[in-house]
Amino acid sequence: MKSPSLANWLTLIFLSLIWGSSFILIKKGLQGFGFVEAASIRLMAGGLVFLPFGIYHAKNIPKKSWPYVVLVTFVGMFIPAFLFCLAQQHVQSAVAGIMNALTPVFTFVFSIFLFKKAYRLSHVAGLLLGLVCATMLIVERSDDAFSLNIYAGLIVLATICYGLNINLVKNFLGDVSSVALSTVSVSLGGFFLSCSSFCHAMNITS
């Protein structure tokens, strides 16, 4: 097996910093905004930045793939954005980041039970370890007694969405460029939210 190059390691570190900082930034945003506003700003800002790239790459997506692109936009971005913001009103950002590591667990579960992929015993062992660790994080100590943090369950639900999203991309969008899929889905997320906000504003004023 070829050893990872320095560029690979630097890329991994860079992506880890971006991935980890998002949970801290969500927590900071929630200090001044409600969870709906924080999630909306996050989605709309991303959609606005990626809109030119999304328009450019939209032509590279086959017509038959568009229903799945819309689906992964909701499952992989739209729904988790609101779930994480709601949960992090009551869950520490460090806990949210660690629990997000459940994504591979649910990716594995969907690949086996929904898409009938083969698996090995080591995969099952990793699945059980992930579930045990998640349970330990969800059950938080409070007033010398153990209580269930239901808001941590929202993060679990978000990782379920991520796991389903990964399987949808792998099984139905394998022929779509990752750049095209990413830019278009982020743009669509911002677009759908803008439409929803506009309709809501119209209902208020009418």
N, C-alpha and C. Protein backbone atom coordinates (compact mmCIF):
# COMPACT_ATOMS: atom_id res chain seq x y z
N MET A 1 0.84 -1.20 0.00
CA MET A 1 0.00 0.00 0.00
C MET A 1 0.87 1.24 0.00
N LYS A 2 0.55 2.20 -0.83
CA LYS A 2 1.32 3.43 -0.95
C LYS A 2 1.07 4.33 0.25
N SER A 3 2.18 4.85 0.83
CA SER A 3 2.05 5.72 1.99
C SER A 3 1.49 7.08 1.58
N PRO A 4 0.68 7.70 2.45
CA PRO A 4 0.14 9.02 2.13
C PRO A 4 1.25 10.05 1.96
N SER A 5 1.12 10.92 0.99
CA SER A 5 2.11 11.96 0.75
C SER A 5 1.89 13.13 1.70
N LEU A 6 2.84 14.05 1.71
CA LEU A 6 2.71 15.25 2.55
C LEU A 6 1.48 16.05 2.15
N ALA A 7 1.21 16.12 0.85
CA ALA A 7 0.04 16.85 0.37
C ALA A 7 -1.25 16.22 0.90
N ASN A 8 -1.28 14.89 0.97
CA ASN A 8 -2.46 14.20 1.51
C ASN A 8 -2.68 14.55 2.98
N TRP A 9 -1.58 14.55 3.75
CA TRP A 9 -1.68 14.88 5.17
C TRP A 9 -2.13 16.32 5.39
N LEU A 10 -1.56 17.25 4.60
CA LEU A 10 -1.93 18.66 4.72
C LEU A 10 -3.40 18.88 4.35
N THR A 11 -3.85 18.16 3.32
CA THR A 11 -5.26 18.26 2.91
C THR A 11 -6.17 17.75 4.02
N LEU A 12 -5.78 16.62 4.63
CA LEU A 12 -6.57 16.04 5.72
C LEU A 12 -6.65 16.99 6.91
N ILE A 13 -5.52 17.62 7.27
CA ILE A 13 -5.50 18.56 8.39
C ILE A 13 -6.37 19.77 8.09
N PHE A 14 -6.25 20.28 6.85
CA PHE A 14 -7.03 21.45 6.44
C PHE A 14 -8.53 21.16 6.51
N LEU A 15 -8.93 20.01 5.98
CA LEU A 15 -10.35 19.63 6.00
C LEU A 15 -10.84 19.39 7.42
N SER A 16 -9.99 18.84 8.28
CA SER A 16 -10.37 18.60 9.67
C SER A 16 -10.64 19.90 10.41
N LEU A 17 -9.79 20.92 10.13
CA LEU A 17 -9.98 22.22 10.77
C LEU A 17 -11.30 22.85 10.32
N ILE A 18 -11.60 22.74 9.02
CA ILE A 18 -12.86 23.30 8.51
C ILE A 18 -14.04 22.56 9.11
N TRP A 19 -13.96 21.23 9.11
CA TRP A 19 -15.05 20.40 9.63
C TRP A 19 -15.28 20.68 11.11
N GLY A 20 -14.21 20.72 11.89
CA GLY A 20 -14.35 20.91 13.33
C GLY A 20 -14.81 22.30 13.72
N SER A 21 -14.37 23.31 12.97
CA SER A 21 -14.72 24.68 13.33
C SER A 21 -16.19 24.99 13.11
N SER A 22 -16.85 24.23 12.25
CA SER A 22 -18.26 24.53 11.95
C SER A 22 -19.14 24.42 13.18
N PHE A 23 -18.85 23.46 14.07
CA PHE A 23 -19.67 23.29 15.27
C PHE A 23 -19.45 24.43 16.26
N ILE A 24 -18.23 24.95 16.32
CA ILE A 24 -17.95 26.10 17.17
C ILE A 24 -18.65 27.33 16.63
N LEU A 25 -18.60 27.52 15.31
CA LEU A 25 -19.24 28.68 14.69
C LEU A 25 -20.76 28.63 14.85
N ILE A 26 -21.34 27.44 14.76
CA ILE A 26 -22.78 27.31 15.00
C ILE A 26 -23.13 27.76 16.41
N LYS A 27 -22.32 27.32 17.38
CA LYS A 27 -22.55 27.70 18.77
C LYS A 27 -22.43 29.20 18.96
N LYS A 28 -21.45 29.81 18.31
CA LYS A 28 -21.29 31.27 18.40
C LYS A 28 -22.48 31.98 17.76
N GLY A 29 -22.94 31.47 16.62
CA GLY A 29 -24.08 32.08 15.94
C GLY A 29 -25.35 32.02 16.77
N LEU A 30 -25.50 30.96 17.54
CA LEU A 30 -26.70 30.80 18.35
C LEU A 30 -26.74 31.75 19.54
N GLN A 31 -25.62 32.43 19.81
CA GLN A 31 -25.62 33.41 20.89
C GLN A 31 -26.39 34.68 20.50
N GLY A 32 -26.51 34.92 19.20
CA GLY A 32 -27.21 36.11 18.75
C GLY A 32 -28.45 35.84 17.92
N PHE A 33 -28.64 34.58 17.50
CA PHE A 33 -29.77 34.22 16.66
C PHE A 33 -30.47 32.99 17.21
N GLY A 34 -31.74 32.84 16.85
CA GLY A 34 -32.44 31.60 17.13
C GLY A 34 -31.96 30.52 16.18
N PHE A 35 -32.37 29.28 16.47
CA PHE A 35 -31.85 28.18 15.65
C PHE A 35 -32.34 28.26 14.21
N VAL A 36 -33.56 28.75 13.99
CA VAL A 36 -34.07 28.88 12.62
C VAL A 36 -33.26 29.92 11.85
N GLU A 37 -33.02 31.07 12.50
CA GLU A 37 -32.26 32.12 11.83
C GLU A 37 -30.83 31.68 11.55
N ALA A 38 -30.19 31.01 12.53
CA ALA A 38 -28.81 30.56 12.36
C ALA A 38 -28.69 29.57 11.20
N ALA A 39 -29.60 28.61 11.14
CA ALA A 39 -29.56 27.63 10.07
C ALA A 39 -29.86 28.28 8.72
N SER A 40 -30.79 29.23 8.72
CA SER A 40 -31.17 29.89 7.48
C SER A 40 -30.01 30.72 6.93
N ILE A 41 -29.35 31.47 7.81
CA ILE A 41 -28.21 32.27 7.37
C ILE A 41 -27.10 31.38 6.83
N ARG A 42 -26.87 30.27 7.49
CA ARG A 42 -25.83 29.34 7.05
C ARG A 42 -26.13 28.80 5.66
N LEU A 43 -27.36 28.38 5.43
CA LEU A 43 -27.73 27.81 4.13
C LEU A 43 -27.76 28.87 3.03
N MET A 44 -28.30 30.04 3.34
CA MET A 44 -28.42 31.08 2.34
C MET A 44 -27.06 31.66 1.97
N ALA A 45 -26.17 31.79 2.95
CA ALA A 45 -24.82 32.28 2.67
C ALA A 45 -24.07 31.31 1.76
N GLY A 46 -24.16 30.01 2.08
CA GLY A 46 -23.52 29.01 1.24
C GLY A 46 -24.10 28.98 -0.16
N GLY A 47 -25.43 29.07 -0.24
CA GLY A 47 -26.08 29.08 -1.55
C GLY A 47 -25.69 30.27 -2.39
N LEU A 48 -25.56 31.44 -1.74
CA LEU A 48 -25.19 32.66 -2.46
C LEU A 48 -23.77 32.58 -3.00
N VAL A 49 -22.85 32.07 -2.18
CA VAL A 49 -21.45 31.96 -2.59
C VAL A 49 -21.29 30.97 -3.74
N PHE A 50 -22.01 29.85 -3.67
CA PHE A 50 -21.86 28.79 -4.67
C PHE A 50 -22.77 28.95 -5.87
N LEU A 51 -23.66 29.94 -5.84
CA LEU A 51 -24.65 30.08 -6.92
C LEU A 51 -24.01 30.20 -8.32
N PRO A 52 -22.99 31.05 -8.52
CA PRO A 52 -22.39 31.13 -9.86
C PRO A 52 -21.80 29.80 -10.32
N PHE A 53 -21.17 29.08 -9.39
CA PHE A 53 -20.57 27.78 -9.72
C PHE A 53 -21.66 26.74 -9.97
N GLY A 54 -22.74 26.81 -9.17
CA GLY A 54 -23.84 25.88 -9.36
C GLY A 54 -24.51 26.04 -10.70
N ILE A 55 -24.71 27.30 -11.13
CA ILE A 55 -25.31 27.56 -12.44
C ILE A 55 -24.40 27.04 -13.56
N TYR A 56 -23.10 27.23 -13.38
CA TYR A 56 -22.15 26.80 -14.41
C TYR A 56 -22.11 25.27 -14.53
N HIS A 57 -22.16 24.57 -13.39
CA HIS A 57 -22.02 23.11 -13.40
C HIS A 57 -23.34 22.37 -13.57
N ALA A 58 -24.47 23.09 -13.52
CA ALA A 58 -25.77 22.43 -13.62
C ALA A 58 -25.93 21.67 -14.94
N LYS A 59 -25.30 22.18 -15.98
CA LYS A 59 -25.42 21.53 -17.30
C LYS A 59 -24.73 20.18 -17.33
N ASN A 60 -23.85 19.91 -16.38
CA ASN A 60 -23.11 18.65 -16.35
C ASN A 60 -23.86 17.53 -15.63
N ILE A 61 -25.04 17.84 -15.11
CA ILE A 61 -25.83 16.84 -14.40
C ILE A 61 -26.90 16.28 -15.32
N PRO A 62 -26.91 14.96 -15.55
CA PRO A 62 -27.93 14.36 -16.44
C PRO A 62 -29.34 14.59 -15.91
N LYS A 63 -30.30 14.67 -16.81
CA LYS A 63 -31.68 14.92 -16.41
C LYS A 63 -32.22 13.85 -15.47
N LYS A 64 -31.83 12.60 -15.71
CA LYS A 64 -32.33 11.51 -14.88
C LYS A 64 -31.82 11.59 -13.44
N SER A 65 -30.74 12.35 -13.22
CA SER A 65 -30.14 12.44 -11.89
C SER A 65 -30.70 13.57 -11.04
N TRP A 66 -31.46 14.48 -11.65
CA TRP A 66 -31.93 15.66 -10.92
C TRP A 66 -32.83 15.32 -9.73
N PRO A 67 -33.74 14.35 -9.81
CA PRO A 67 -34.54 14.03 -8.61
C PRO A 67 -33.68 13.61 -7.43
N TYR A 68 -32.60 12.87 -7.69
CA TYR A 68 -31.70 12.46 -6.61
C TYR A 68 -30.87 13.63 -6.10
N VAL A 69 -30.52 14.56 -6.99
CA VAL A 69 -29.78 15.75 -6.56
C VAL A 69 -30.63 16.57 -5.59
N VAL A 70 -31.90 16.73 -5.92
CA VAL A 70 -32.82 17.46 -5.04
C VAL A 70 -32.96 16.72 -3.71
N LEU A 71 -33.07 15.39 -3.77
CA LEU A 71 -33.22 14.59 -2.56
C LEU A 71 -32.01 14.71 -1.65
N VAL A 72 -30.81 14.61 -2.20
CA VAL A 72 -29.61 14.70 -1.37
C VAL A 72 -29.41 16.12 -0.84
N THR A 73 -29.95 17.11 -1.55
CA THR A 73 -29.89 18.48 -1.04
C THR A 73 -30.65 18.58 0.28
N PHE A 74 -31.84 17.99 0.32
CA PHE A 74 -32.64 18.03 1.54
C PHE A 74 -32.06 17.12 2.62
N VAL A 75 -31.70 15.90 2.25
CA VAL A 75 -31.24 14.92 3.23
C VAL A 75 -29.83 15.25 3.72
N GLY A 76 -28.98 15.72 2.83
CA GLY A 76 -27.59 15.94 3.20
C GLY A 76 -27.27 17.34 3.69
N MET A 77 -28.15 18.32 3.45
CA MET A 77 -27.87 19.70 3.84
C MET A 77 -29.01 20.35 4.60
N PHE A 78 -30.16 20.43 3.96
CA PHE A 78 -31.27 21.22 4.46
C PHE A 78 -31.72 20.77 5.85
N ILE A 79 -32.09 19.51 5.97
CA ILE A 79 -32.60 18.99 7.24
C ILE A 79 -31.53 18.99 8.33
N PRO A 80 -30.31 18.46 8.07
CA PRO A 80 -29.28 18.46 9.13
C PRO A 80 -28.92 19.85 9.62
N ALA A 81 -28.95 20.87 8.75
CA ALA A 81 -28.60 22.22 9.17
C ALA A 81 -29.50 22.70 10.30
N PHE A 82 -30.80 22.45 10.19
CA PHE A 82 -31.74 22.86 11.23
C PHE A 82 -31.63 21.96 12.46
N LEU A 83 -31.40 20.68 12.25
CA LEU A 83 -31.28 19.76 13.39
C LEU A 83 -30.07 20.11 14.25
N PHE A 84 -28.94 20.40 13.62
CA PHE A 84 -27.74 20.73 14.39
C PHE A 84 -27.90 22.04 15.14
N CYS A 85 -28.50 23.05 14.50
CA CYS A 85 -28.68 24.34 15.17
C CYS A 85 -29.64 24.22 16.35
N LEU A 86 -30.71 23.45 16.18
CA LEU A 86 -31.64 23.23 17.28
C LEU A 86 -30.97 22.48 18.42
N ALA A 87 -30.21 21.44 18.08
CA ALA A 87 -29.57 20.62 19.11
C ALA A 87 -28.50 21.40 19.86
N GLN A 88 -27.73 22.22 19.16
CA GLN A 88 -26.62 22.91 19.81
C GLN A 88 -27.04 24.07 20.70
N GLN A 89 -28.33 24.33 20.78
CA GLN A 89 -28.82 25.23 21.81
C GLN A 89 -28.71 24.59 23.18
N HIS A 90 -28.61 23.24 23.22
CA HIS A 90 -28.60 22.51 24.48
C HIS A 90 -27.46 21.50 24.57
N VAL A 91 -26.63 21.44 23.53
CA VAL A 91 -25.51 20.48 23.50
C VAL A 91 -24.22 21.23 23.20
N GLN A 92 -23.14 20.90 23.89
CA GLN A 92 -21.86 21.54 23.65
C GLN A 92 -21.37 21.25 22.24
N SER A 93 -20.63 22.20 21.68
CA SER A 93 -20.13 22.04 20.31
C SER A 93 -19.17 20.86 20.20
N ALA A 94 -18.38 20.62 21.27
CA ALA A 94 -17.46 19.48 21.25
C ALA A 94 -18.22 18.16 21.17
N VAL A 95 -19.30 18.06 21.94
CA VAL A 95 -20.13 16.85 21.91
C VAL A 95 -20.77 16.68 20.54
N ALA A 96 -21.25 17.79 19.95
CA ALA A 96 -21.86 17.73 18.62
C ALA A 96 -20.85 17.24 17.59
N GLY A 97 -19.62 17.74 17.68
CA GLY A 97 -18.59 17.31 16.73
C GLY A 97 -18.25 15.84 16.86
N ILE A 98 -18.16 15.37 18.09
CA ILE A 98 -17.85 13.96 18.32
C ILE A 98 -19.00 13.07 17.85
N MET A 99 -20.22 13.48 18.14
CA MET A 99 -21.37 12.67 17.75
C MET A 99 -21.57 12.65 16.24
N ASN A 100 -21.08 13.67 15.57
CA ASN A 100 -21.16 13.68 14.11
C ASN A 100 -20.37 12.52 13.50
N ALA A 101 -19.44 11.98 14.29
CA ALA A 101 -18.67 10.82 13.84
C ALA A 101 -19.53 9.56 13.73
N LEU A 102 -20.80 9.66 14.12
CA LEU A 102 -21.71 8.53 13.92
C LEU A 102 -22.11 8.36 12.46
N THR A 103 -21.79 9.34 11.65
CA THR A 103 -22.16 9.27 10.23
C THR A 103 -21.69 7.97 9.56
N PRO A 104 -20.43 7.55 9.74
CA PRO A 104 -20.02 6.27 9.12
C PRO A 104 -20.83 5.08 9.60
N VAL A 105 -21.28 5.14 10.87
CA VAL A 105 -22.08 4.04 11.41
C VAL A 105 -23.38 3.89 10.63
N PHE A 106 -24.08 4.99 10.43
CA PHE A 106 -25.36 4.92 9.73
C PHE A 106 -25.16 4.74 8.22
N THR A 107 -24.04 5.20 7.71
CA THR A 107 -23.71 4.89 6.32
C THR A 107 -23.61 3.39 6.13
N PHE A 108 -22.96 2.73 7.07
CA PHE A 108 -22.80 1.28 7.04
C PHE A 108 -24.15 0.58 7.19
N VAL A 109 -24.99 1.07 8.10
CA VAL A 109 -26.30 0.45 8.34
C VAL A 109 -27.16 0.52 7.08
N PHE A 110 -27.22 1.69 6.44
CA PHE A 110 -28.02 1.84 5.23
C PHE A 110 -27.46 0.99 4.08
N SER A 111 -26.14 0.90 4.00
CA SER A 111 -25.54 0.12 2.91
C SER A 111 -25.89 -1.35 3.03
N ILE A 112 -26.04 -1.84 4.26
CA ILE A 112 -26.36 -3.26 4.47
C ILE A 112 -27.85 -3.53 4.30
N PHE A 113 -28.68 -2.78 5.02
CA PHE A 113 -30.10 -3.11 5.09
C PHE A 113 -30.93 -2.51 3.96
N LEU A 114 -30.48 -1.38 3.41
CA LEU A 114 -31.26 -0.76 2.35
C LEU A 114 -30.70 -1.08 0.97
N PHE A 115 -29.38 -1.13 0.86
CA PHE A 115 -28.76 -1.36 -0.45
C PHE A 115 -28.08 -2.72 -0.57
N LYS A 116 -28.21 -3.55 0.49
CA LYS A 116 -27.80 -4.96 0.45
C LYS A 116 -26.33 -5.14 0.07
N LYS A 117 -25.45 -4.33 0.65
CA LYS A 117 -24.03 -4.46 0.39
C LYS A 117 -23.42 -5.51 1.32
N ALA A 118 -22.31 -6.13 0.86
CA ALA A 118 -21.62 -7.13 1.68
C ALA A 118 -20.87 -6.44 2.83
N TYR A 119 -20.63 -7.17 3.90
CA TYR A 119 -19.91 -6.61 5.04
C TYR A 119 -19.05 -7.68 5.70
N ARG A 120 -18.11 -7.20 6.56
CA ARG A 120 -17.24 -8.11 7.30
C ARG A 120 -17.47 -7.95 8.80
N LEU A 121 -16.96 -8.90 9.58
CA LEU A 121 -17.13 -8.88 11.03
C LEU A 121 -16.53 -7.62 11.63
N SER A 122 -15.41 -7.16 11.08
CA SER A 122 -14.77 -5.95 11.59
C SER A 122 -15.67 -4.74 11.42
N HIS A 123 -16.49 -4.72 10.37
CA HIS A 123 -17.43 -3.63 10.16
C HIS A 123 -18.48 -3.62 11.28
N VAL A 124 -18.97 -4.80 11.64
CA VAL A 124 -19.97 -4.89 12.70
C VAL A 124 -19.39 -4.44 14.03
N ALA A 125 -18.13 -4.83 14.30
CA ALA A 125 -17.47 -4.42 15.54
C ALA A 125 -17.34 -2.90 15.61
N GLY A 126 -17.00 -2.28 14.50
CA GLY A 126 -16.91 -0.82 14.46
C GLY A 126 -18.26 -0.16 14.67
N LEU A 127 -19.30 -0.77 14.11
CA LEU A 127 -20.67 -0.26 14.28
C LEU A 127 -21.07 -0.28 15.75
N LEU A 128 -20.82 -1.39 16.44
CA LEU A 128 -21.19 -1.52 17.84
C LEU A 128 -20.41 -0.54 18.71
N LEU A 129 -19.13 -0.36 18.41
CA LEU A 129 -18.30 0.58 19.16
C LEU A 129 -18.83 2.01 19.01
N GLY A 130 -19.21 2.36 17.80
CA GLY A 130 -19.75 3.70 17.56
C GLY A 130 -21.06 3.93 18.31
N LEU A 131 -21.91 2.93 18.34
CA LEU A 131 -23.19 3.06 19.03
C LEU A 131 -22.99 3.19 20.54
N VAL A 132 -22.03 2.43 21.09
CA VAL A 132 -21.74 2.52 22.52
C VAL A 132 -21.24 3.91 22.88
N CYS A 133 -20.31 4.43 22.08
CA CYS A 133 -19.77 5.76 22.35
C CYS A 133 -20.84 6.83 22.25
N ALA A 134 -21.73 6.70 21.26
CA ALA A 134 -22.81 7.68 21.10
C ALA A 134 -23.76 7.64 22.31
N THR A 135 -24.05 6.44 22.79
CA THR A 135 -24.93 6.30 23.95
C THR A 135 -24.32 6.96 25.18
N MET A 136 -23.01 6.82 25.34
CA MET A 136 -22.32 7.43 26.48
C MET A 136 -22.38 8.95 26.40
N LEU A 137 -22.39 9.50 25.19
CA LEU A 137 -22.45 10.95 25.03
C LEU A 137 -23.87 11.47 25.20
N ILE A 138 -24.86 10.70 24.75
CA ILE A 138 -26.25 11.14 24.87
C ILE A 138 -26.69 11.16 26.33
N VAL A 139 -26.23 10.18 27.10
CA VAL A 139 -26.58 10.11 28.51
C VAL A 139 -25.62 10.99 29.28
N GLU A 140 -26.07 12.14 29.72
CA GLU A 140 -25.22 13.10 30.42
C GLU A 140 -25.54 13.10 31.91
N ARG A 141 -24.49 13.32 32.70
CA ARG A 141 -24.69 13.32 34.16
C ARG A 141 -25.25 14.66 34.61
N SER A 142 -26.31 14.62 35.39
CA SER A 142 -26.97 15.84 35.86
C SER A 142 -27.52 15.62 37.26
N ASP A 143 -27.08 16.47 38.23
CA ASP A 143 -27.56 16.40 39.61
C ASP A 143 -27.39 15.00 40.20
N ASP A 144 -26.19 14.44 39.99
CA ASP A 144 -25.86 13.12 40.54
C ASP A 144 -26.77 12.01 40.04
N ALA A 145 -27.43 12.23 38.93
CA ALA A 145 -28.26 11.19 38.33
C ALA A 145 -28.09 11.24 36.82
N PHE A 146 -28.33 10.17 36.16
CA PHE A 146 -28.19 10.13 34.72
C PHE A 146 -29.51 10.50 34.07
N SER A 147 -29.44 11.41 33.11
CA SER A 147 -30.64 11.82 32.39
C SER A 147 -30.37 11.79 30.90
N LEU A 148 -31.40 11.54 30.14
CA LEU A 148 -31.27 11.43 28.69
C LEU A 148 -31.40 12.81 28.06
N ASN A 149 -30.39 13.22 27.30
CA ASN A 149 -30.44 14.49 26.59
C ASN A 149 -31.11 14.27 25.24
N ILE A 150 -32.36 14.66 25.14
CA ILE A 150 -33.12 14.40 23.92
C ILE A 150 -32.59 15.24 22.76
N TYR A 151 -31.94 16.36 23.06
CA TYR A 151 -31.40 17.20 21.99
C TYR A 151 -30.22 16.54 21.30
N ALA A 152 -29.48 15.73 22.04
CA ALA A 152 -28.42 14.95 21.41
C ALA A 152 -29.00 13.96 20.42
N GLY A 153 -30.23 13.54 20.66
CA GLY A 153 -30.90 12.66 19.72
C GLY A 153 -31.14 13.32 18.37
N LEU A 154 -31.26 14.66 18.36
CA LEU A 154 -31.41 15.37 17.09
C LEU A 154 -30.13 15.27 16.26
N ILE A 155 -28.99 15.25 16.93
CA ILE A 155 -27.72 15.08 16.22
C ILE A 155 -27.64 13.68 15.64
N VAL A 156 -28.12 12.70 16.40
CA VAL A 156 -28.17 11.34 15.87
C VAL A 156 -29.04 11.30 14.62
N LEU A 157 -30.18 11.98 14.66
CA LEU A 157 -31.07 12.03 13.50
C LEU A 157 -30.38 12.70 12.31
N ALA A 158 -29.59 13.75 12.59
CA ALA A 158 -28.85 14.41 11.51
C ALA A 158 -27.82 13.47 10.89
N THR A 159 -27.14 12.68 11.72
CA THR A 159 -26.15 11.74 11.18
C THR A 159 -26.83 10.61 10.40
N ILE A 160 -28.06 10.28 10.78
CA ILE A 160 -28.83 9.31 9.99
C ILE A 160 -29.07 9.88 8.59
N CYS A 161 -29.41 11.16 8.54
CA CYS A 161 -29.59 11.82 7.24
C CYS A 161 -28.30 11.80 6.43
N TYR A 162 -27.18 12.08 7.10
CA TYR A 162 -25.89 12.06 6.41
C TYR A 162 -25.57 10.66 5.87
N GLY A 163 -25.84 9.64 6.68
CA GLY A 163 -25.58 8.27 6.25
C GLY A 163 -26.40 7.88 5.05
N LEU A 164 -27.68 8.27 5.05
CA LEU A 164 -28.54 8.00 3.90
C LEU A 164 -28.06 8.77 2.68
N ASN A 165 -27.65 10.02 2.91
CA ASN A 165 -27.17 10.86 1.81
C ASN A 165 -25.96 10.25 1.11
N ILE A 166 -25.02 9.76 1.88
CA ILE A 166 -23.81 9.15 1.30
C ILE A 166 -24.17 7.95 0.44
N ASN A 167 -25.10 7.13 0.92
CA ASN A 167 -25.51 5.96 0.14
C ASN A 167 -26.26 6.35 -1.13
N LEU A 168 -27.07 7.40 -1.05
CA LEU A 168 -27.78 7.87 -2.24
C LEU A 168 -26.80 8.37 -3.30
N VAL A 169 -25.79 9.11 -2.85
CA VAL A 169 -24.78 9.62 -3.79
C VAL A 169 -24.02 8.46 -4.42
N LYS A 170 -23.64 7.50 -3.60
CA LYS A 170 -22.84 6.38 -4.09
C LYS A 170 -23.61 5.50 -5.06
N ASN A 171 -24.88 5.27 -4.79
CA ASN A 171 -25.66 4.32 -5.58
C ASN A 171 -26.39 4.94 -6.77
N PHE A 172 -26.70 6.24 -6.69
CA PHE A 172 -27.50 6.85 -7.76
C PHE A 172 -26.83 8.03 -8.46
N LEU A 173 -25.77 8.56 -7.87
CA LEU A 173 -25.12 9.73 -8.46
C LEU A 173 -23.63 9.51 -8.69
N GLY A 174 -23.26 8.25 -8.87
CA GLY A 174 -21.86 7.93 -9.09
C GLY A 174 -21.30 8.48 -10.39
N ASP A 175 -22.18 8.74 -11.36
CA ASP A 175 -21.74 9.26 -12.66
C ASP A 175 -21.73 10.79 -12.70
N VAL A 176 -22.06 11.44 -11.58
CA VAL A 176 -22.06 12.90 -11.52
C VAL A 176 -20.77 13.38 -10.88
N SER A 177 -20.17 14.38 -11.48
CA SER A 177 -18.94 14.96 -10.93
C SER A 177 -19.17 15.45 -9.51
N SER A 178 -18.20 15.19 -8.62
CA SER A 178 -18.33 15.64 -7.23
C SER A 178 -18.39 17.15 -7.14
N VAL A 179 -17.65 17.85 -8.01
CA VAL A 179 -17.69 19.31 -8.01
C VAL A 179 -19.07 19.81 -8.44
N ALA A 180 -19.61 19.21 -9.48
CA ALA A 180 -20.93 19.61 -9.96
C ALA A 180 -21.99 19.33 -8.90
N LEU A 181 -21.93 18.15 -8.29
CA LEU A 181 -22.92 17.79 -7.29
C LEU A 181 -22.85 18.71 -6.08
N SER A 182 -21.63 19.01 -5.62
CA SER A 182 -21.47 19.85 -4.44
C SER A 182 -21.97 21.27 -4.69
N THR A 183 -21.53 21.87 -5.79
CA THR A 183 -21.90 23.26 -6.06
C THR A 183 -23.39 23.41 -6.32
N VAL A 184 -23.97 22.46 -7.05
CA VAL A 184 -25.40 22.54 -7.37
C VAL A 184 -26.24 22.29 -6.12
N SER A 185 -25.88 21.32 -5.30
CA SER A 185 -26.69 21.01 -4.12
C SER A 185 -26.64 22.15 -3.10
N VAL A 186 -25.46 22.75 -2.92
CA VAL A 186 -25.37 23.89 -2.00
C VAL A 186 -26.19 25.07 -2.53
N SER A 187 -26.12 25.30 -3.83
CA SER A 187 -26.91 26.38 -4.45
C SER A 187 -28.40 26.11 -4.30
N LEU A 188 -28.81 24.86 -4.51
CA LEU A 188 -30.22 24.52 -4.36
C LEU A 188 -30.70 24.70 -2.92
N GLY A 189 -29.83 24.35 -1.96
CA GLY A 189 -30.20 24.52 -0.57
C GLY A 189 -30.53 25.97 -0.25
N GLY A 190 -29.67 26.88 -0.72
CA GLY A 190 -29.94 28.30 -0.53
C GLY A 190 -31.17 28.77 -1.28
N PHE A 191 -31.37 28.23 -2.48
CA PHE A 191 -32.53 28.61 -3.30
C PHE A 191 -33.84 28.17 -2.64
N PHE A 192 -33.89 26.92 -2.18
CA PHE A 192 -35.11 26.42 -1.54
C PHE A 192 -35.44 27.22 -0.28
N LEU A 193 -34.41 27.57 0.47
CA LEU A 193 -34.65 28.34 1.69
C LEU A 193 -35.12 29.75 1.36
N SER A 194 -34.57 30.33 0.32
CA SER A 194 -35.00 31.67 -0.10
C SER A 194 -36.47 31.65 -0.51
N CYS A 195 -36.86 30.62 -1.26
CA CYS A 195 -38.27 30.49 -1.67
C CYS A 195 -39.18 30.31 -0.47
N SER A 196 -38.73 29.49 0.48
CA SER A 196 -39.53 29.26 1.68
C SER A 196 -39.67 30.53 2.50
N SER A 197 -38.57 31.29 2.63
CA SER A 197 -38.61 32.54 3.39
C SER A 197 -39.51 33.56 2.71
N PHE A 198 -39.45 33.61 1.38
CA PHE A 198 -40.29 34.56 0.64
C PHE A 198 -41.77 34.24 0.81
N CYS A 199 -42.10 32.95 0.70
CA CYS A 199 -43.52 32.54 0.88
C CYS A 199 -43.99 32.84 2.29
N HIS A 200 -43.11 32.62 3.28
CA HIS A 200 -43.47 32.90 4.67
C HIS A 200 -43.70 34.39 4.87
N ALA A 201 -42.85 35.22 4.27
CA ALA A 201 -43.00 36.67 4.40
C ALA A 201 -44.29 37.15 3.73
N MET A 202 -44.62 36.55 2.61
CA MET A 202 -45.84 36.93 1.90
C MET A 202 -47.08 36.58 2.74
N ASN A 203 -47.02 35.44 3.42
CA ASN A 203 -48.14 35.02 4.26
C ASN A 203 -48.33 35.97 5.45
N ILE A 204 -47.21 36.47 5.96
CA ILE A 204 -47.29 37.38 7.11
C ILE A 204 -47.90 38.72 6.70
N THR A 205 -47.48 39.22 5.54
CA THR A 205 -47.94 40.53 5.08
C THR A 205 -49.37 40.51 4.54
N SER A 206 -49.83 39.32 4.12
CA SER A 206 -51.18 39.24 3.52
C SER A 206 -52.26 39.16 4.60
